[in-house]
Amino acid sequence: MSWRRYAGGGKRDAAERPIIEALQGLGCDVYQLSGKGNPDLLVRRPSPSGLWVPLEVKSDGGTLTKNQQAIKWPVVRDKYQAIQAVFG
C-alpha cells in the first residue's frame, strides 16, 4: 500500500520484499510509504502492544540522503535487522 507518489522514480528497494514477508509472517501489519520525508515502511506490531515503528530500508551499500540522516528512523538492510528494530 502506498500513500504518496513514489520518490526516486517509483523504484522500491530490492531489500523491502523479504523484510515485508518476514514481518508479516510474525503478525505485523506492514505499509509501504513513499514521498520525501517519509520512511519506506510503517510497521504495526501485533496486539496487544500495537506499537508503530517506521523503518528506512537500504540495500547493502545504499547510502542515506541528507534528509534521511536528519531523521532518526531505524535503518535496516535485511529481515534480521528489521525484526530487531520492530521487536527489539
Protein backbone atom coordinates (compact mmCIF):
# COMPACT_ATOMS: atom_id res chain seq x y z
CA MET A 1 0.00 0.00 0.00
CA SER A 2 1.42 3.37 -0.96
CA TRP A 3 0.05 6.61 0.30
CA ARG A 4 2.03 9.04 -1.81
CA ARG A 5 3.76 9.42 -5.12
CA TYR A 6 7.00 7.46 -5.24
CA ALA A 7 10.26 9.23 -4.65
CA GLY A 8 13.13 8.11 -6.87
CA GLY A 9 11.01 7.47 -9.96
CA GLY A 10 8.80 4.78 -8.45
CA LYS A 11 11.57 2.33 -7.60
CA ARG A 12 11.33 0.31 -4.39
CA ASP A 13 14.43 -1.05 -2.68
CA ALA A 14 15.10 -4.70 -3.53
CA ALA A 15 15.59 -5.47 0.17
CA GLU A 16 11.98 -4.50 1.01
CA ARG A 17 10.13 -7.64 -0.13
CA PRO A 18 11.97 -10.14 2.15
CA ILE A 19 11.63 -7.69 5.06
CA ILE A 20 7.90 -7.26 4.49
CA GLU A 21 7.33 -11.01 4.20
CA ALA A 22 9.30 -11.73 7.39
CA LEU A 23 7.45 -9.11 9.42
CA GLN A 24 4.04 -10.16 8.10
CA GLY A 25 4.95 -13.76 8.98
CA LEU A 26 5.38 -12.59 12.58
CA GLY A 27 1.92 -11.00 12.61
CA CYS A 28 2.85 -7.40 11.80
CA ASP A 29 0.88 -5.08 9.54
CA VAL A 30 3.31 -3.50 7.07
CA TYR A 31 2.58 -0.44 4.95
CA GLN A 32 4.84 0.81 2.16
CA LEU A 33 5.13 4.57 2.19
CA SER A 34 6.70 6.90 -0.31
CA GLY A 35 7.39 10.55 -0.77
CA LYS A 36 10.05 12.86 0.52
CA GLY A 37 10.38 12.83 4.29
CA ASN A 38 8.59 9.51 4.82
CA PRO A 39 10.11 6.22 5.97
CA ASP A 40 9.96 3.34 3.49
CA LEU A 41 7.87 1.13 5.76
CA LEU A 42 5.47 1.71 8.61
CA VAL A 43 5.12 -1.42 10.72
CA ARG A 44 2.49 -2.12 13.37
CA ARG A 45 3.45 -4.78 15.86
CA PRO A 46 0.85 -7.41 16.70
CA SER A 47 -1.56 -6.65 19.52
CA PRO A 48 -1.70 -6.13 22.44
CA SER A 49 1.07 -3.53 22.06
CA GLY A 50 0.11 -2.36 18.56
CA LEU A 51 3.26 -0.21 18.54
CA TRP A 52 4.04 1.55 15.25
CA VAL A 53 7.64 1.52 14.02
CA PRO A 54 8.90 3.46 10.96
CA LEU A 55 11.73 1.80 9.02
CA GLU A 56 14.10 3.08 6.36
CA VAL A 57 15.21 0.23 4.07
CA LYS A 58 18.59 0.30 2.37
CA SER A 59 20.31 -2.39 0.32
CA ASP A 60 23.92 -3.21 1.09
CA GLY A 61 25.97 -0.23 0.01
CA GLY A 62 22.94 2.08 -0.06
CA THR A 63 23.51 5.50 1.46
CA LEU A 64 21.22 7.85 3.33
CA THR A 65 20.19 11.15 1.80
CA LYS A 66 20.75 14.33 3.76
CA ASN A 67 17.07 14.35 4.79
CA GLN A 68 17.24 10.73 5.92
CA GLN A 69 20.31 11.46 8.03
CA ALA A 70 18.43 14.22 9.84
CA ILE A 71 15.51 11.95 10.81
CA LYS A 72 16.47 9.16 13.16
CA TRP A 73 14.35 6.22 12.00
CA PRO A 74 15.92 2.79 12.22
CA VAL A 75 17.79 1.91 9.03
CA VAL A 76 17.56 -1.77 8.15
CA ARG A 77 19.31 -3.74 5.43
CA ASP A 78 17.82 -7.20 5.90
CA LYS A 79 14.96 -9.05 7.60
CA TYR A 80 17.02 -9.77 10.73
CA GLN A 81 17.74 -6.09 11.33
CA ALA A 82 14.08 -5.27 10.69
CA ILE A 83 12.88 -7.85 13.22
CA GLN A 84 15.33 -6.48 15.77
CA ALA A 85 14.17 -2.91 15.13
CA VAL A 86 10.49 -3.80 15.49
CA PHE A 87 10.65 -6.25 18.38
CA GLY A 88 13.93 -5.03 19.96
